[in-house]
């Protein structure tokens, strides 16, 4: 199942769709360069592509962590990416008031996992008429997400997606329960696997989230095998210098080889 977005290309290719980009918008030059490279890859592989970038990072472990370059500035950059490359874009919102503001610039409003039960945010996002991508809380079962979906749909918006991003496992790790993918697909909405955030190691003593990016391909291949509709990958030219979530992001140069493998795997799955 593919979300209904006017600018989304190659929706009849038989491929999964892709949400990809940097964790946070660090500047216009960086965002445009990343978008240009992913657009070229998605064109070659005929993958429906939605550019992802957070205009602000509201959930940070430490007070001195990077939160953004300014809301309006970052949103305008997302708008420029959208118009320059004629592609849809997605960003997170953190309060109900942000929904209408962000909706002026983006095609998909993403509800962070920690906020997926917040009724006022879900209703506000729904009322914008934009696609609403709800990340499954690390603390929730897959079937519990039916209530978040219902909140959006009963607010007049049936264009909803769900994203798996791992479940809390102890204090400092996450695990992906792939049984949840078919469970959420029963809700008749597109289901995405957030590959990079599923490999986070939260609550580190340094106050900086860790990660296991060496397992990105493993998580991604398993997700395609069990039938996810889309994949979510945060990527950066130099993850070590990224201002947010560098520990679990994919090196941009490694994106195309990974997607080539996933496209081949998807073609096999389509035959089964």
Protein backbone atom coordinates (compact mmCIF):
# COMPACT_ATOMS: atom_id res chain seq x y z
CA UNK A 1 0.00 0.00 0.00
CA UNK A 2 1.33 3.43 -1.00
CA UNK A 3 0.24 6.73 0.62
CA UNK A 4 -1.82 9.09 -1.53
CA UNK A 5 0.45 12.04 -2.24
CA UNK A 6 0.30 14.01 -5.49
CA UNK A 7 4.06 14.46 -5.91
CA UNK A 8 4.94 10.84 -5.13
CA UNK A 9 6.45 9.20 -8.23
CA UNK A 10 6.77 5.54 -9.35
CA UNK A 11 3.81 4.42 -7.28
CA UNK A 12 3.10 1.67 -9.82
CA UNK A 13 6.66 0.29 -9.86
CA UNK A 14 5.96 -2.51 -7.40
CA UNK A 15 8.67 -1.15 -5.10
CA UNK A 16 8.44 -0.16 -1.45
CA UNK A 17 8.35 3.59 -0.85
CA UNK A 18 11.20 5.43 0.86
CA UNK A 19 11.32 8.14 3.50
CA UNK A 20 14.93 9.30 3.71
CA UNK A 21 17.08 12.29 4.55
CA UNK A 22 19.01 13.74 7.46
CA UNK A 23 17.79 13.51 11.03
CA UNK A 24 17.66 17.29 11.32
CA UNK A 25 17.89 20.19 8.88
CA UNK A 26 21.36 21.56 9.59
CA UNK A 27 21.43 24.05 6.72
CA UNK A 28 20.23 24.63 3.17
CA UNK A 29 23.36 23.45 1.37
CA UNK A 30 23.43 20.15 3.26
CA UNK A 31 19.72 19.50 2.77
CA UNK A 32 19.80 20.26 -0.96
CA UNK A 33 22.86 18.08 -1.56
CA UNK A 34 21.36 15.11 0.28
CA UNK A 35 18.02 15.53 -1.49
CA UNK A 36 19.68 15.74 -4.90
CA UNK A 37 21.60 12.51 -4.34
CA UNK A 38 18.60 10.57 -3.03
CA UNK A 39 16.38 11.84 -5.84
CA UNK A 40 18.91 10.56 -8.38
CA UNK A 41 19.05 7.16 -6.67
CA UNK A 42 15.27 6.89 -6.44
CA UNK A 43 14.97 7.80 -10.14
CA UNK A 44 17.43 5.08 -11.13
CA UNK A 45 15.72 2.45 -8.98
CA UNK A 46 12.14 3.71 -9.52
CA UNK A 47 11.47 4.01 -5.80
CA UNK A 48 8.69 6.36 -4.60
CA UNK A 49 10.61 8.87 -2.46
CA UNK A 50 9.62 11.27 0.33
CA UNK A 51 12.39 13.55 1.65
CA UNK A 52 12.67 13.55 5.44
CA UNK A 53 14.11 16.25 7.66
CA UNK A 54 13.18 17.44 11.14
CA UNK A 55 12.86 21.22 11.32
CA UNK A 56 13.33 21.04 15.07
CA UNK A 57 14.47 18.33 17.49
CA UNK A 58 12.29 18.69 20.57
CA UNK A 59 13.17 15.41 22.30
CA UNK A 60 16.82 15.65 23.36
CA UNK A 61 18.58 14.02 26.29
CA UNK A 62 20.68 17.06 27.26
CA UNK A 63 19.99 20.77 27.39
CA UNK A 64 23.09 21.50 25.29
CA UNK A 65 22.03 19.13 22.46
CA UNK A 66 21.37 20.58 18.99
CA UNK A 67 17.71 21.37 18.48
CA UNK A 68 17.68 23.21 15.15
CA UNK A 69 18.62 26.25 13.11
CA UNK A 70 15.30 28.03 13.70
CA UNK A 71 11.82 26.78 12.86
CA UNK A 72 10.94 29.15 10.02
CA UNK A 73 14.37 28.85 8.43
CA UNK A 74 14.30 25.05 8.49
CA UNK A 75 10.70 24.84 7.23
CA UNK A 76 11.55 27.13 4.33
CA UNK A 77 14.43 24.82 3.43
CA UNK A 78 12.03 21.87 3.41
CA UNK A 79 9.75 23.89 1.16
CA UNK A 80 12.64 24.62 -1.18
CA UNK A 81 13.54 20.93 -1.38
CA UNK A 82 9.92 20.17 -2.23
CA UNK A 83 9.69 22.75 -5.02
CA UNK A 84 13.19 22.27 -6.45
CA UNK A 85 12.95 18.53 -6.88
CA UNK A 86 9.15 18.22 -7.17
CA UNK A 87 9.03 15.63 -4.40
CA UNK A 88 6.96 15.30 -1.22
CA UNK A 89 8.57 16.05 2.14
CA UNK A 90 7.91 14.93 5.71
CA UNK A 91 8.76 16.47 9.06
CA UNK A 92 7.94 15.90 12.74
CA UNK A 93 5.62 18.02 14.82
CA UNK A 94 5.68 18.15 18.61
CA UNK A 95 2.62 20.14 19.67
CA UNK A 96 -0.87 20.62 18.27
CA UNK A 97 -0.07 24.24 17.40
CA UNK A 98 2.77 23.16 15.10
CA UNK A 99 0.53 21.11 12.81
CA UNK A 100 -0.93 23.99 10.82
CA UNK A 101 2.42 25.79 10.67
CA UNK A 102 4.36 22.80 9.33
CA UNK A 103 1.52 21.85 6.96
CA UNK A 104 2.21 25.02 4.95
CA UNK A 105 5.55 23.54 3.86
CA UNK A 106 5.29 19.74 3.90
CA UNK A 107 3.14 16.90 2.57
CA UNK A 108 3.39 14.50 5.51
CA UNK A 109 3.19 15.33 9.21
CA UNK A 110 5.00 12.84 11.40
CA UNK A 111 3.98 12.16 14.98
CA UNK A 112 7.00 11.16 17.11
CA UNK A 113 6.80 7.82 18.88
CA UNK A 114 6.74 9.32 22.38
CA UNK A 115 3.73 11.45 21.35
CA UNK A 116 1.68 8.85 19.48
CA UNK A 117 -1.05 8.74 22.16
CA UNK A 118 -1.43 12.54 22.39
CA UNK A 119 -4.96 13.13 21.17
CA UNK A 120 -4.64 16.87 20.58
CA UNK A 121 -1.61 16.42 18.31
CA UNK A 122 -3.24 13.62 16.32
CA UNK A 123 -6.46 15.59 15.84
CA UNK A 124 -4.62 18.77 14.85
CA UNK A 125 -2.50 16.87 12.32
CA UNK A 126 -5.59 15.17 10.90
CA UNK A 127 -7.40 18.47 10.41
CA UNK A 128 -4.64 19.84 8.16
CA UNK A 129 -5.61 17.29 5.51
CA UNK A 130 -1.99 16.20 5.16
CA UNK A 131 -0.86 12.58 5.33
CA UNK A 132 -0.26 11.69 8.99
CA UNK A 133 2.59 9.29 9.75
CA UNK A 134 2.32 7.97 13.31
CA UNK A 135 5.38 6.34 14.80
CA UNK A 136 4.58 3.43 17.09
CA UNK A 137 5.56 4.16 20.67
CA UNK A 138 8.50 2.16 21.97
CA UNK A 139 6.22 1.31 24.88
CA UNK A 140 3.21 0.08 22.87
CA UNK A 141 2.15 -3.16 21.24
CA UNK A 142 1.41 -3.12 17.52
CA UNK A 143 -2.30 -3.71 17.97
CA UNK A 144 -2.58 -0.75 20.35
CA UNK A 145 -1.83 1.56 17.40
CA UNK A 146 -5.37 1.01 16.12
CA UNK A 147 -6.52 3.66 18.59
CA UNK A 148 -4.12 6.28 17.23
CA UNK A 149 -5.25 5.49 13.70
CA UNK A 150 -8.90 5.76 14.76
CA UNK A 151 -8.31 9.19 16.33
CA UNK A 152 -7.00 10.52 13.02
CA UNK A 153 -9.66 8.88 10.89
CA UNK A 154 -12.52 9.97 13.13
CA UNK A 155 -11.15 13.51 12.82
CA UNK A 156 -11.86 13.36 9.09
CA UNK A 157 -8.55 12.19 7.64
CA UNK A 158 -8.17 8.67 6.22
CA UNK A 159 -4.66 9.22 4.83
CA UNK A 160 -2.68 7.66 7.68
CA UNK A 161 0.56 5.68 7.90
CA UNK A 162 2.11 3.72 10.78
CA UNK A 163 5.82 3.38 11.40
CA UNK A 164 7.54 0.67 13.44
CA UNK A 165 10.68 1.96 15.16
CA UNK A 166 11.55 -0.68 17.71
CA UNK A 167 10.31 -1.58 21.17
CA UNK A 168 12.05 -0.81 24.46
CA UNK A 169 14.23 -3.75 25.51
CA UNK A 170 15.70 -3.16 28.93
CA UNK A 171 16.94 0.35 29.66
CA UNK A 172 19.44 0.89 26.84
CA UNK A 173 18.29 -1.04 23.81
CA UNK A 174 15.48 -1.59 21.33
CA UNK A 175 14.27 -4.69 19.52
CA UNK A 176 12.10 -4.99 16.42
CA UNK A 177 9.25 -7.45 16.84
CA UNK A 178 8.46 -8.28 13.21
CA UNK A 179 5.15 -9.85 14.26
CA UNK A 180 3.92 -6.29 14.58
CA UNK A 181 4.24 -5.55 10.85
CA UNK A 182 1.37 -7.83 9.71
CA UNK A 183 -0.57 -6.82 12.81
CA UNK A 184 -0.47 -3.15 11.81
CA UNK A 185 -1.13 -3.96 8.15
CA UNK A 186 -4.50 -5.37 9.28
CA UNK A 187 -5.48 -1.75 9.96
CA UNK A 188 -5.47 -1.15 6.20
CA UNK A 189 -2.88 1.65 6.28
CA UNK A 190 0.64 1.78 4.82
CA UNK A 191 3.19 0.39 7.28
CA UNK A 192 6.76 1.66 7.37
CA UNK A 193 9.86 0.29 9.08
CA UNK A 194 12.11 2.96 10.55
CA UNK A 195 15.37 1.11 10.11
CA UNK A 196 17.84 3.56 11.61
CA UNK A 197 15.88 4.53 14.74
CA UNK A 198 15.22 0.85 15.43
CA UNK A 199 18.99 0.54 15.93
CA UNK A 200 19.27 3.27 18.53
CA UNK A 201 20.70 2.56 21.97
CA UNK A 202 18.92 5.13 24.15
CA UNK A 203 19.65 6.28 27.70
CA UNK A 204 23.42 6.15 27.47
CA UNK A 205 25.30 7.53 30.47
CA UNK A 206 26.85 10.24 28.28
CA UNK A 207 23.41 11.65 27.50
CA UNK A 208 24.02 10.98 23.79
CA UNK A 209 22.05 8.16 22.14
CA UNK A 210 24.15 5.33 20.75
CA UNK A 211 23.42 3.01 17.85
CA UNK A 212 24.35 -0.02 15.76
CA UNK A 213 24.45 1.16 12.12
CA UNK A 214 26.30 -1.99 11.09
CA UNK A 215 22.95 -3.79 11.41
CA UNK A 216 21.03 -1.47 9.07
CA UNK A 217 21.03 -3.96 6.20
CA UNK A 218 19.95 -6.81 8.49
CA UNK A 219 16.95 -4.89 9.83
CA UNK A 220 16.03 -3.60 6.37
CA UNK A 221 16.14 -6.98 4.65
CA UNK A 222 14.00 -8.54 7.35
CA UNK A 223 11.47 -5.73 7.03
CA UNK A 224 11.11 -6.19 3.27
CA UNK A 225 10.80 -9.94 3.79
CA UNK A 226 7.85 -9.60 6.16
CA UNK A 227 6.05 -7.15 3.90
CA UNK A 228 6.56 -3.55 4.98
CA UNK A 229 5.17 -1.03 2.51
CA UNK A 230 7.87 1.56 3.12
CA UNK A 231 11.28 2.01 4.68
CA UNK A 232 12.56 4.98 6.66
CA UNK A 233 16.29 5.65 6.61
CA UNK A 234 18.13 8.62 8.06
CA UNK A 235 21.28 9.30 6.07
CA UNK A 236 24.09 11.85 6.12
CA UNK A 237 27.31 12.43 4.12
CA UNK A 238 29.29 12.17 7.36
CA UNK A 239 27.28 10.70 10.24
CA UNK A 240 30.15 11.29 12.67
CA UNK A 241 29.70 15.04 12.23
CA UNK A 242 25.90 15.04 12.17
CA UNK A 243 24.29 17.28 14.77
CA UNK A 244 21.64 14.70 15.68
CA UNK A 245 21.45 10.88 15.71
CA UNK A 246 24.81 10.39 14.01
CA UNK A 247 25.36 7.13 15.89
CA UNK A 248 22.66 5.27 13.99
CA UNK A 249 22.50 7.05 10.61
CA UNK A 250 23.54 5.49 7.31
CA UNK A 251 26.50 6.90 5.42
CA UNK A 252 25.00 8.53 2.32
CA UNK A 253 27.43 6.75 -0.01
CA UNK A 254 26.09 3.42 1.26
CA UNK A 255 22.44 4.20 0.51
CA UNK A 256 22.28 3.13 -3.14
CA UNK A 257 23.97 -0.28 -2.65
CA UNK A 258 21.54 -0.99 0.19
CA UNK A 259 18.49 0.07 -1.80
CA UNK A 260 19.61 -2.02 -4.79
CA UNK A 261 19.59 -5.10 -2.57
CA UNK A 262 16.22 -4.22 -1.09
CA UNK A 263 14.69 -3.68 -4.54
CA UNK A 264 15.93 -7.11 -5.63
CA UNK A 265 14.51 -8.68 -2.49
CA UNK A 266 11.19 -6.90 -3.02
CA UNK A 267 11.00 -8.28 -6.56
CA UNK A 268 11.36 -11.79 -5.18
CA UNK A 269 8.74 -11.17 -2.50
CA UNK A 270 6.31 -9.88 -5.15
CA UNK A 271 6.55 -13.26 -6.91
CA UNK A 272 5.60 -15.28 -3.84
